[in-house]
Each structure stands twice: as structure tokens, then as C-alpha cells.
Amino acid sequence: MLAKEIGLDLAESEIEFLDIVTSFNIAVRYPDAKFQFHRQCTEAFAREYLEKIAAFASRLEEQIRDA
């Protein structure tokens, strides 16, 4: 994993979170998965993940600055 190669210390829960977010990118590439993913993406779902992604990005930026 790239994070380990550059010395970032990610918790198992953060690695799992990245797997989930990565699956979003994959889901929108394929028509069948894209339709299913769009149905799942309610406003509440999108807000929840947007907040989680922003918080993760802040923690990641802090780790990079401190490295």
C-alpha cells in the first residue's frame, strides 16, 4: 500500500474506509454498477461520506506535514 511505503500510519479502520471510497470510483465506471450506485446515493448518504472524506483528508494532511 502506498501509504505504508511513504511512512503514513493508517489505522485498520482508515484502510477499510479507503477501500469503501475507492469502490465508489469503480462503481461509476460500469453502467450496471453506476445505476445501482446512483440509487444508493441519497442526499444523506452523500453528505455523510463527504464529511468523512473531508475529515480523513484533514488527518492525512496533518500526518504528511508532521512527517
PDB file of N, CA and C in Angstrom:
ATOM      1  N   MET A   1       0.844  -1.179   0.000  1.00  0.00           N
ATOM      2  CA  MET A   1       0.000   0.000   0.000  1.00  0.00           C
ATOM      3  C   MET A   1       0.890   1.242   0.000  1.00  0.00           C
ATOM      4  N   LEU A   2       0.516   2.193  -0.807  1.00  0.00           N
ATOM      5  CA  LEU A   2       1.297   3.415  -0.957  1.00  0.00           C
ATOM      6  C   LEU A   2       1.483   4.141   0.372  1.00  0.00           C
ATOM      7  N   ALA A   3       0.453   4.181   1.196  1.00  0.00           N
ATOM      8  CA  ALA A   3       0.547   4.878   2.486  1.00  0.00           C
ATOM      9  C   ALA A   3       1.697   4.340   3.326  1.00  0.00           C
ATOM     10  N   LYS A   4       1.855   3.035   3.373  1.00  0.00           N
ATOM     11  CA  LYS A   4       2.939   2.437   4.156  1.00  0.00           C
ATOM     12  C   LYS A   4       4.297   2.722   3.526  1.00  0.00           C
ATOM     13  N   GLU A   5       4.329   2.727   2.202  1.00  0.00           N
ATOM     14  CA  GLU A   5       5.592   2.987   1.509  1.00  0.00           C
ATOM     15  C   GLU A   5       6.132   4.380   1.802  1.00  0.00           C
ATOM     16  N   ILE A   6       5.241   5.340   2.021  1.00  0.00           N
ATOM     17  CA  ILE A   6       5.704   6.705   2.300  1.00  0.00           C
ATOM     18  C   ILE A   6       5.691   7.036   3.789  1.00  0.00           C
ATOM     19  N   GLY A   7       5.429   6.027   4.626  1.00  0.00           N
ATOM     20  CA  GLY A   7       5.550   6.202   6.065  1.00  0.00           C
ATOM     21  C   GLY A   7       4.330   6.734   6.788  1.00  0.00           C
ATOM     22  N   LEU A   8       3.156   6.667   6.167  1.00  0.00           N
ATOM     23  CA  LEU A   8       1.944   7.095   6.859  1.00  0.00           C
ATOM     24  C   LEU A   8       1.445   5.967   7.749  1.00  0.00           C
ATOM     25  N   ASP A   9       0.987   6.331   8.914  1.00  0.00           N
ATOM     26  CA  ASP A   9       0.482   5.356   9.871  1.00  0.00           C
ATOM     27  C   ASP A   9      -1.042   5.393   9.837  1.00  0.00           C
ATOM     28  N   LEU A  10      -1.643   4.468   9.089  1.00  0.00           N
ATOM     29  CA  LEU A  10      -3.094   4.417   8.977  1.00  0.00           C
ATOM     30  C   LEU A  10      -3.641   3.294   9.842  1.00  0.00           C
ATOM     31  N   ALA A  11      -4.716   3.595  10.546  1.00  0.00           N
ATOM     32  CA  ALA A  11      -5.410   2.581  11.337  1.00  0.00           C
ATOM     33  C   ALA A  11      -6.143   1.640  10.383  1.00  0.00           C
ATOM     34  N   GLU A  12      -6.447   0.461  10.859  1.00  0.00           N
ATOM     35  CA  GLU A  12      -7.178  -0.510  10.044  1.00  0.00           C
ATOM     36  C   GLU A  12      -8.509   0.081   9.575  1.00  0.00           C
ATOM     37  N   SER A  13      -9.178   0.843  10.443  1.00  0.00           N
ATOM     38  CA  SER A  13     -10.459   1.455  10.068  1.00  0.00           C
ATOM     39  C   SER A  13     -10.280   2.468   8.936  1.00  0.00           C
ATOM     40  N   GLU A  14      -9.143   3.162   8.901  1.00  0.00           N
ATOM     41  CA  GLU A  14      -8.879   4.116   7.823  1.00  0.00           C
ATOM     42  C   GLU A  14      -8.608   3.395   6.505  1.00  0.00           C
ATOM     43  N   ILE A  15      -7.934   2.276   6.576  1.00  0.00           N
ATOM     44  CA  ILE A  15      -7.688   1.474   5.375  1.00  0.00           C
ATOM     45  C   ILE A  15      -9.011   0.938   4.828  1.00  0.00           C
ATOM     46  N   GLU A  16      -9.871   0.477   5.715  1.00  0.00           N
ATOM     47  CA  GLU A  16     -11.191  -0.006   5.300  1.00  0.00           C
ATOM     48  C   GLU A  16     -12.007   1.126   4.679  1.00  0.00           C
ATOM     49  N   PHE A  17     -11.918   2.324   5.265  1.00  0.00           N
ATOM     50  CA  PHE A  17     -12.618   3.487   4.729  1.00  0.00           C
ATOM     51  C   PHE A  17     -12.134   3.790   3.309  1.00  0.00           C
ATOM     52  N   LEU A  18     -10.834   3.750   3.102  1.00  0.00           N
ATOM     53  CA  LEU A  18     -10.291   3.994   1.759  1.00  0.00           C
ATOM     54  C   LEU A  18     -10.777   2.946   0.763  1.00  0.00           C
ATOM     55  N   ASP A  19     -10.914   1.711   1.204  1.00  0.00           N
ATOM     56  CA  ASP A  19     -11.451   0.662   0.332  1.00  0.00           C
ATOM     57  C   ASP A  19     -12.878   0.992  -0.096  1.00  0.00           C
ATOM     58  N   ILE A  20     -13.679   1.491   0.845  1.00  0.00           N
ATOM     59  CA  ILE A  20     -15.066   1.860   0.536  1.00  0.00           C
ATOM     60  C   ILE A  20     -15.102   3.003  -0.470  1.00  0.00           C
ATOM     61  N   VAL A  21     -14.334   4.044  -0.201  1.00  0.00           N
ATOM     62  CA  VAL A  21     -14.327   5.207  -1.091  1.00  0.00           C
ATOM     63  C   VAL A  21     -13.808   4.826  -2.480  1.00  0.00           C
ATOM     64  N   THR A  22     -12.809   3.967  -2.529  1.00  0.00           N
ATOM     65  CA  THR A  22     -12.290   3.504  -3.817  1.00  0.00           C
ATOM     66  C   THR A  22     -13.363   2.744  -4.586  1.00  0.00           C
ATOM     67  N   SER A  23     -14.190   2.010  -3.873  1.00  0.00           N
ATOM     68  CA  SER A  23     -15.263   1.268  -4.545  1.00  0.00           C
ATOM     69  C   SER A  23     -16.252   2.215  -5.220  1.00  0.00           C
ATOM     70  N   PHE A  24     -16.397   3.438  -4.705  1.00  0.00           N
ATOM     71  CA  PHE A  24     -17.268   4.423  -5.353  1.00  0.00           C
ATOM     72  C   PHE A  24     -16.737   4.741  -6.751  1.00  0.00           C
ATOM     73  N   ASN A  25     -15.435   4.930  -6.861  1.00  0.00           N
ATOM     74  CA  ASN A  25     -14.825   5.241  -8.161  1.00  0.00           C
ATOM     75  C   ASN A  25     -15.027   4.106  -9.147  1.00  0.00           C
ATOM     76  N   ILE A  26     -14.885   2.895  -8.665  1.00  0.00           N
ATOM     77  CA  ILE A  26     -15.053   1.729  -9.528  1.00  0.00           C
ATOM     78  C   ILE A  26     -16.514   1.588  -9.941  1.00  0.00           C
ATOM     79  N   ALA A  27     -17.426   1.832  -9.000  1.00  0.00           N
ATOM     80  CA  ALA A  27     -18.853   1.660  -9.264  1.00  0.00           C
ATOM     81  C   ALA A  27     -19.342   2.553 -10.398  1.00  0.00           C
ATOM     82  N   VAL A  28     -18.835   3.757 -10.480  1.00  0.00           N
ATOM     83  CA  VAL A  28     -19.342   4.666 -11.513  1.00  0.00           C
ATOM     84  C   VAL A  28     -18.721   4.428 -12.887  1.00  0.00           C
ATOM     85  N   ARG A  29     -17.789   3.505 -12.986  1.00  0.00           N
ATOM     86  CA  ARG A  29     -17.177   3.197 -14.283  1.00  0.00           C
ATOM     87  C   ARG A  29     -18.014   2.239 -15.117  1.00  0.00           C
ATOM     88  N   TYR A  30     -18.823   1.431 -14.476  1.00  0.00           N
ATOM     89  CA  TYR A  30     -19.539   0.376 -15.173  1.00  0.00           C
ATOM     90  C   TYR A  30     -21.040   0.650 -15.121  1.00  0.00           C
ATOM     91  N   PRO A  31     -21.721   0.614 -16.268  1.00  0.00           N
ATOM     92  CA  PRO A  31     -23.132   1.015 -16.343  1.00  0.00           C
ATOM     93  C   PRO A  31     -24.054   0.364 -15.312  1.00  0.00           C
ATOM     94  N   ASP A  32     -23.989  -0.947 -15.144  1.00  0.00           N
ATOM     95  CA  ASP A  32     -24.878  -1.612 -14.184  1.00  0.00           C
ATOM     96  C   ASP A  32     -24.584  -1.164 -12.764  1.00  0.00           C
ATOM     97  N   ALA A  33     -23.314  -1.129 -12.421  1.00  0.00           N
ATOM     98  CA  ALA A  33     -22.923  -0.707 -11.075  1.00  0.00           C
ATOM     99  C   ALA A  33     -23.232   0.766 -10.870  1.00  0.00           C
ATOM    100  N   LYS A  34     -23.078   1.562 -11.917  1.00  0.00           N
ATOM    101  CA  LYS A  34     -23.334   3.000 -11.829  1.00  0.00           C
ATOM    102  C   LYS A  34     -24.798   3.261 -11.479  1.00  0.00           C
ATOM    103  N   PHE A  35     -25.708   2.570 -12.139  1.00  0.00           N
ATOM    104  CA  PHE A  35     -27.134   2.733 -11.855  1.00  0.00           C
ATOM    105  C   PHE A  35     -27.437   2.372 -10.409  1.00  0.00           C
ATOM    106  N   GLN A  36     -26.906   1.262  -9.961  1.00  0.00           N
ATOM    107  CA  GLN A  36     -27.129   0.816  -8.587  1.00  0.00           C
ATOM    108  C   GLN A  36     -26.539   1.815  -7.591  1.00  0.00           C
ATOM    109  N   PHE A  37     -25.354   2.318  -7.884  1.00  0.00           N
ATOM    110  CA  PHE A  37     -24.701   3.279  -7.002  1.00  0.00           C
ATOM    111  C   PHE A  37     -25.491   4.580  -6.938  1.00  0.00           C
ATOM    112  N   HIS A  38     -26.000   5.050  -8.063  1.00  0.00           N
ATOM    113  CA  HIS A  38     -26.789   6.287  -8.077  1.00  0.00           C
ATOM    114  C   HIS A  38     -28.041   6.144  -7.218  1.00  0.00           C
ATOM    115  N   ARG A  39     -28.648   4.980  -7.219  1.00  0.00           N
ATOM    116  CA  ARG A  39     -29.833   4.747  -6.382  1.00  0.00           C
ATOM    117  C   ARG A  39     -29.475   4.801  -4.903  1.00  0.00           C
ATOM    118  N   GLN A  40     -28.272   4.379  -4.565  1.00  0.00           N
ATOM    119  CA  GLN A  40     -27.809   4.360  -3.171  1.00  0.00           C
ATOM    120  C   GLN A  40     -27.457   5.763  -2.681  1.00  0.00           C
ATOM    121  N   CYS A  41     -27.108   6.644  -3.594  1.00  0.00           N
ATOM    122  CA  CYS A  41     -26.578   7.962  -3.233  1.00  0.00           C
ATOM    123  C   CYS A  41     -27.675   8.974  -2.933  1.00  0.00           C
ATOM    124  N   THR A  42     -28.283   8.813  -1.802  1.00  0.00           N
ATOM    125  CA  THR A  42     -29.241   9.813  -1.354  1.00  0.00           C
ATOM    126  C   THR A  42     -28.469  11.036  -0.873  1.00  0.00           C
ATOM    127  N   GLU A  43     -29.179  12.106  -0.615  1.00  0.00           N
ATOM    128  CA  GLU A  43     -28.514  13.303  -0.101  1.00  0.00           C
ATOM    129  C   GLU A  43     -27.832  13.004   1.231  1.00  0.00           C
ATOM    130  N   ALA A  44     -28.493  12.252   2.096  1.00  0.00           N
ATOM    131  CA  ALA A  44     -27.915  11.913   3.402  1.00  0.00           C
ATOM    132  C   ALA A  44     -26.639  11.076   3.231  1.00  0.00           C
ATOM    133  N   PHE A  45     -26.678  10.114   2.329  1.00  0.00           N
ATOM    134  CA  PHE A  45     -25.511   9.272   2.048  1.00  0.00           C
ATOM    135  C   PHE A  45     -24.349  10.132   1.566  1.00  0.00           C
ATOM    136  N   ALA A  46     -24.629  11.015   0.613  1.00  0.00           N
ATOM    137  CA  ALA A  46     -23.582  11.874   0.056  1.00  0.00           C
ATOM    138  C   ALA A  46     -23.005  12.803   1.116  1.00  0.00           C
ATOM    139  N   ARG A  47     -23.863  13.410   1.925  1.00  0.00           N
ATOM    140  CA  ARG A  47     -23.383  14.308   2.989  1.00  0.00           C
ATOM    141  C   ARG A  47     -22.501  13.558   3.985  1.00  0.00           C
ATOM    142  N   GLU A  48     -22.950  12.372   4.386  1.00  0.00           N
ATOM    143  CA  GLU A  48     -22.195  11.574   5.355  1.00  0.00           C
ATOM    144  C   GLU A  48     -20.784  11.279   4.833  1.00  0.00           C
ATOM    145  N   TYR A  49     -20.706  10.803   3.595  1.00  0.00           N
ATOM    146  CA  TYR A  49     -19.388  10.460   3.061  1.00  0.00           C
ATOM    147  C   TYR A  49     -18.555  11.688   2.738  1.00  0.00           C
ATOM    148  N   LEU A  50     -19.184  12.771   2.339  1.00  0.00           N
ATOM    149  CA  LEU A  50     -18.434  13.999   2.097  1.00  0.00           C
ATOM    150  C   LEU A  50     -17.776  14.481   3.387  1.00  0.00           C
ATOM    151  N   GLU A  51     -18.512  14.430   4.490  1.00  0.00           N
ATOM    152  CA  GLU A  51     -17.954  14.820   5.790  1.00  0.00           C
ATOM    153  C   GLU A  51     -16.821  13.884   6.209  1.00  0.00           C
ATOM    154  N   LYS A  52     -17.028  12.586   6.029  1.00  0.00           N
ATOM    155  CA  LYS A  52     -15.993  11.614   6.397  1.00  0.00           C
ATOM    156  C   LYS A  52     -14.739  11.797   5.548  1.00  0.00           C
ATOM    157  N   ILE A  53     -14.923  12.045   4.258  1.00  0.00           N
ATOM    158  CA  ILE A  53     -13.781  12.230   3.364  1.00  0.00           C
ATOM    159  C   ILE A  53     -13.022  13.499   3.732  1.00  0.00           C
ATOM    160  N   ALA A  54     -13.741  14.575   4.034  1.00  0.00           N
ATOM    161  CA  ALA A  54     -13.091  15.833   4.418  1.00  0.00           C
ATOM    162  C   ALA A  54     -12.294  15.659   5.710  1.00  0.00           C
ATOM    163  N   ALA A  55     -12.866  14.960   6.688  1.00  0.00           N
ATOM    164  CA  ALA A  55     -12.173  14.722   7.955  1.00  0.00           C
ATOM    165  C   ALA A  55     -10.932  13.856   7.730  1.00  0.00           C
ATOM    166  N   PHE A  56     -11.064  12.834   6.911  1.00  0.00           N
ATOM    167  CA  PHE A  56      -9.924  11.969   6.610  1.00  0.00           C
ATOM    168  C   PHE A  56      -8.826  12.767   5.911  1.00  0.00           C
ATOM    169  N   ALA A  57      -9.201  13.594   4.954  1.00  0.00           N
ATOM    170  CA  ALA A  57      -8.217  14.406   4.225  1.00  0.00           C
ATOM    171  C   ALA A  57      -7.472  15.332   5.179  1.00  0.00           C
ATOM    172  N   SER A  58      -8.175  15.908   6.142  1.00  0.00           N
ATOM    173  CA  SER A  58      -7.524  16.784   7.125  1.00  0.00           C
ATOM    174  C   SER A  58      -6.509  16.015   7.962  1.00  0.00           C
ATOM    175  N   ARG A  59      -6.903  14.820   8.431  1.00  0.00           N
ATOM    176  CA  ARG A  59      -5.975  13.997   9.215  1.00  0.00           C
ATOM    177  C   ARG A  59      -4.763  13.599   8.375  1.00  0.00           C
ATOM    178  N   LEU A  60      -5.007  13.265   7.131  1.00  0.00           N
ATOM    179  CA  LEU A  60      -3.929  12.859   6.239  1.00  0.00           C
ATOM    180  C   LEU A  60      -2.967  14.021   5.983  1.00  0.00           C
ATOM    181  N   GLU A  61      -3.500  15.196   5.737  1.00  0.00           N
ATOM    182  CA  GLU A  61      -2.652  16.376   5.528  1.00  0.00           C
ATOM    183  C   GLU A  61      -1.799  16.653   6.762  1.00  0.00           C
ATOM    184  N   GLU A  62      -2.393  16.486   7.938  1.00  0.00           N
ATOM    185  CA  GLU A  62      -1.656  16.699   9.187  1.00  0.00           C
ATOM    186  C   GLU A  62      -0.507  15.697   9.315  1.00  0.00           C
ATOM    187  N   GLN A  63      -0.786  14.433   9.010  1.00  0.00           N
ATOM    188  CA  GLN A  63       0.267  13.411   9.075  1.00  0.00           C
ATOM    189  C   GLN A  63       1.390  13.718   8.096  1.00  0.00           C
ATOM    190  N   ILE A  64       1.032  14.168   6.912  1.00  0.00           N
ATOM    191  CA  ILE A  64       2.045  14.475   5.903  1.00  0.00           C
ATOM    192  C   ILE A  64       2.898  15.657   6.355  1.00  0.00           C
ATOM    193  N   ARG A  65       2.272  16.684   6.911  1.00  0.00           N
ATOM    194  CA  ARG A  65       3.020  17.843   7.410  1.00  0.00           C
ATOM    195  C   ARG A  65       3.975  17.454   8.524  1.00  0.00           C
ATOM    196  N   ASP A  66       3.526  16.553   9.400  1.00  0.00           N
ATOM    197  CA  ASP A  66       4.324  16.154  10.560  1.00  0.00           C
ATOM    198  C   ASP A  66       5.410  15.135  10.216  1.00  0.00           C
ATOM    199  N   ALA A  67       5.339  14.568   9.026  1.00  0.00           N
ATOM    200  CA  ALA A  67       6.306  13.518   8.639  1.00  0.00           C
ATOM    201  C   ALA A  67       7.661  14.106   8.306  1.00  0.00           C
TER     202      ALA A  67
END
